[in-house]
Amino acid sequence: MNRFVSWGKLLIYFFLIILIGSLVGCRANPNAPVPTEENRSSLITLKVVADSEQAIEAFRMEEKAIREKFHIRFQYFYPDRLSDHLEDFLFASKDTYDLYILFPAKLPEYVEREMLLPLDSYTSDDPSIQEIIPIYRNLYMHYGGHDYGVVYDGDAHLLFYRKDLFEKYGAE
């Protein structure tokens, strides 16, 4: 179990770094001073929207490391009581966000409203993208021939059964 937990954390951190790097890589200055409380206002701010506070937990866990490495900070938005209807709120709003944490099945709705930009130029030459299990890459990142996101979480569903019950009841 610990092997899966550590790989899961590693994958989350890895994909967050890829996503953040792809979004601000051109603007990040390697010679910039390390952010402190005094110069925090000079950090690039990325607006992150999600359907709940729990959905941004992975960002919060890595926020300090991301801030120090990329000189950016996050501003979080998770409208109350909208966990099932975030799209209704976002599609009616004129607000824009830099990062969307969304349920992958909703990806086509965002793409068709031109709320997301393709990330192909970042994902096509990155060999680490091939490390993502194809089902996650194809279902969670890809739509209409383009990559629009990077997965940061993957679930493993396990089915257990009792062989003796199958033997006892057969086709029933």
Protein backbone atom coordinates (compact mmCIF):
# COMPACT_ATOMS: atom_id res chain seq x y z
CA MET A 1 0.00 0.00 0.00
CA ASN A 2 2.79 2.46 0.88
CA ARG A 3 4.32 1.93 -2.55
CA PHE A 4 1.10 3.17 -4.18
CA VAL A 5 0.74 6.09 -1.79
CA SER A 6 4.27 7.34 -2.44
CA TRP A 7 3.87 6.91 -6.21
CA GLY A 8 0.55 8.75 -6.02
CA LYS A 9 2.13 11.72 -4.23
CA LEU A 10 5.04 11.68 -6.66
CA LEU A 11 2.67 11.68 -9.66
CA ILE A 12 0.58 14.50 -8.20
CA TYR A 13 3.68 16.62 -7.61
CA PHE A 14 5.13 15.75 -11.00
CA PHE A 15 1.99 16.70 -12.94
CA LEU A 16 1.44 19.87 -10.97
CA ILE A 17 4.97 20.95 -11.83
CA ILE A 18 4.44 20.13 -15.53
CA LEU A 19 1.17 22.06 -15.59
CA ILE A 20 2.52 25.08 -13.73
CA GLY A 21 5.73 25.05 -15.76
CA SER A 22 3.79 24.96 -18.99
CA LEU A 23 1.64 27.87 -17.92
CA VAL A 24 4.35 30.18 -16.65
CA GLY A 25 7.54 28.76 -18.10
CA CYS A 26 8.00 31.64 -20.48
CA ARG A 27 7.44 34.20 -17.77
CA ALA A 28 9.45 32.61 -14.97
CA ASN A 29 12.75 34.36 -14.27
CA PRO A 30 15.44 32.06 -12.86
CA ASN A 31 17.34 35.11 -11.55
CA ALA A 32 14.36 36.45 -9.63
CA PRO A 33 14.77 36.70 -5.87
CA VAL A 34 13.28 33.97 -3.74
CA PRO A 35 9.83 35.18 -2.65
CA THR A 36 9.50 36.45 0.90
CA GLU A 37 6.66 38.11 2.74
CA GLU A 38 8.13 41.49 1.74
CA ASN A 39 8.20 40.84 -2.04
CA ARG A 40 5.21 38.46 -2.25
CA SER A 41 3.19 41.09 -4.13
CA SER A 42 5.64 40.78 -7.04
CA LEU A 43 4.74 37.12 -7.56
CA ILE A 44 2.70 36.09 -10.58
CA THR A 45 -0.77 35.13 -9.37
CA LEU A 46 -2.68 32.28 -10.99
CA LYS A 47 -6.41 32.06 -10.36
CA VAL A 48 -7.50 28.48 -9.66
CA VAL A 49 -11.17 27.49 -9.66
CA ALA A 50 -12.57 24.19 -8.46
CA ASP A 51 -15.87 22.75 -7.32
CA SER A 52 -14.78 22.43 -3.69
CA GLU A 53 -12.01 23.21 -1.25
CA GLN A 54 -11.09 19.51 -1.23
CA ALA A 55 -10.42 19.61 -4.97
CA ILE A 56 -7.58 22.08 -4.49
CA GLU A 57 -5.93 20.16 -1.68
CA ALA A 58 -3.16 18.83 -3.96
CA PHE A 59 -2.25 22.41 -4.90
CA ARG A 60 -2.21 23.48 -1.26
CA MET A 61 0.09 20.57 -0.34
CA GLU A 62 2.68 21.67 -2.90
CA GLU A 63 2.05 25.41 -2.82
CA LYS A 64 5.25 26.40 -1.02
CA ALA A 65 7.51 24.32 -3.30
CA ILE A 66 5.76 25.66 -6.41
CA ARG A 67 6.03 29.25 -5.15
CA GLU A 68 9.75 28.89 -4.47
CA LYS A 69 10.52 27.15 -7.77
CA PHE A 70 8.34 29.16 -10.16
CA HIS A 71 7.82 32.42 -8.25
CA ILE A 72 4.06 32.23 -8.50
CA ARG A 73 1.20 32.06 -6.08
CA PHE A 74 -2.31 30.73 -6.30
CA GLN A 75 -5.56 32.49 -5.62
CA TYR A 76 -8.26 29.90 -5.02
CA PHE A 77 -11.94 30.04 -5.89
CA TYR A 78 -14.44 27.36 -4.98
CA PRO A 79 -17.93 28.83 -4.90
CA ASP A 80 -19.99 27.55 -1.98
CA ARG A 81 -22.66 24.93 -2.65
CA LEU A 82 -21.65 24.51 -6.28
CA SER A 83 -19.95 21.15 -6.19
CA ASP A 84 -22.48 19.66 -8.59
CA HIS A 85 -23.13 22.80 -10.62
CA LEU A 86 -19.79 24.55 -11.02
CA GLU A 87 -20.28 24.73 -14.77
CA ASP A 88 -23.57 26.62 -14.40
CA PHE A 89 -21.72 29.23 -12.37
CA LEU A 90 -18.66 29.42 -14.64
CA PHE A 91 -20.51 29.45 -17.95
CA ALA A 92 -22.74 32.31 -16.77
CA SER A 93 -19.83 34.28 -15.29
CA LYS A 94 -17.59 36.76 -17.06
CA ASP A 95 -14.72 35.91 -14.70
CA THR A 96 -11.72 34.10 -16.13
CA TYR A 97 -9.36 31.71 -14.41
CA ASP A 98 -5.90 30.39 -15.19
CA LEU A 99 -6.39 26.85 -13.92
CA TYR A 100 -9.57 24.82 -13.83
CA ILE A 101 -9.84 21.75 -11.65
CA LEU A 102 -12.73 20.01 -13.28
CA PHE A 103 -14.37 16.66 -13.58
CA PRO A 104 -12.86 15.13 -16.74
CA ALA A 105 -16.23 14.24 -18.25
CA LYS A 106 -16.93 17.99 -18.40
CA LEU A 107 -13.84 18.70 -20.56
CA PRO A 108 -15.82 18.93 -23.85
CA GLU A 109 -18.10 21.61 -22.38
CA TYR A 110 -15.12 23.83 -21.51
CA VAL A 111 -13.36 23.23 -24.83
CA GLU A 112 -16.46 23.97 -26.88
CA ARG A 113 -16.91 27.26 -25.00
CA GLU A 114 -13.24 28.08 -25.77
CA MET A 115 -12.38 28.33 -22.09
CA LEU A 116 -9.32 26.07 -22.41
CA LEU A 117 -6.26 26.23 -24.62
CA PRO A 118 -4.63 23.12 -26.12
CA LEU A 119 -1.45 22.05 -24.36
CA ASP A 120 -0.14 19.97 -27.27
CA SER A 121 3.01 22.05 -27.66
CA TYR A 122 3.91 21.13 -24.07
CA THR A 123 2.77 17.53 -24.01
CA SER A 124 3.94 16.37 -27.44
CA ASP A 125 7.66 16.65 -26.71
CA ASP A 126 7.53 15.63 -23.06
CA PRO A 127 8.44 11.94 -22.70
CA SER A 128 7.10 11.88 -19.14
CA ILE A 129 3.56 12.22 -20.52
CA GLN A 130 3.99 8.66 -21.82
CA GLU A 131 4.26 7.53 -18.20
CA ILE A 132 0.59 8.39 -17.65
CA ILE A 133 -1.56 5.31 -18.05
CA PRO A 134 -3.21 5.60 -21.50
CA ILE A 135 -6.76 5.37 -20.13
CA TYR A 136 -6.12 8.47 -17.99
CA ARG A 137 -4.36 10.31 -20.82
CA ASN A 138 -7.13 9.63 -23.31
CA LEU A 139 -10.13 10.12 -21.04
CA TYR A 140 -8.90 12.89 -18.76
CA MET A 141 -6.52 15.00 -20.85
CA HIS A 142 -7.55 14.56 -24.47
CA TYR A 143 -10.52 15.86 -26.47
CA GLY A 144 -11.02 16.56 -30.17
CA GLY A 145 -7.47 15.52 -31.06
CA HIS A 146 -5.77 17.80 -28.49
CA ASP A 147 -4.51 17.68 -24.92
CA TYR A 148 -6.23 20.23 -22.69
CA GLY A 149 -5.11 19.27 -19.24
CA VAL A 150 -2.83 17.18 -17.11
CA VAL A 151 -4.15 14.61 -14.70
CA TYR A 152 -3.10 15.03 -11.11
CA ASP A 153 -5.05 12.20 -9.56
CA GLY A 154 -5.90 8.68 -10.55
CA ASP A 155 -8.06 6.20 -8.79
CA ALA A 156 -7.71 2.46 -8.61
CA HIS A 157 -10.95 0.54 -8.36
CA LEU A 158 -10.67 -3.02 -7.15
CA LEU A 159 -13.27 -5.74 -7.33
CA PHE A 160 -13.07 -8.66 -4.95
CA TYR A 161 -15.32 -11.67 -5.03
CA ARG A 162 -15.78 -14.88 -3.16
CA LYS A 163 -15.01 -17.79 -5.42
CA ASP A 164 -17.06 -20.16 -3.27
CA LEU A 165 -20.25 -18.12 -3.87
CA PHE A 166 -19.74 -18.25 -7.62
CA GLU A 167 -19.24 -21.99 -7.40
CA LYS A 168 -22.32 -22.38 -5.19
CA TYR A 169 -24.74 -20.21 -7.21
CA GLY A 170 -23.23 -20.57 -10.67
CA ALA A 171 -24.95 -18.44 -13.34
CA GLU A 172 -27.54 -17.06 -10.86
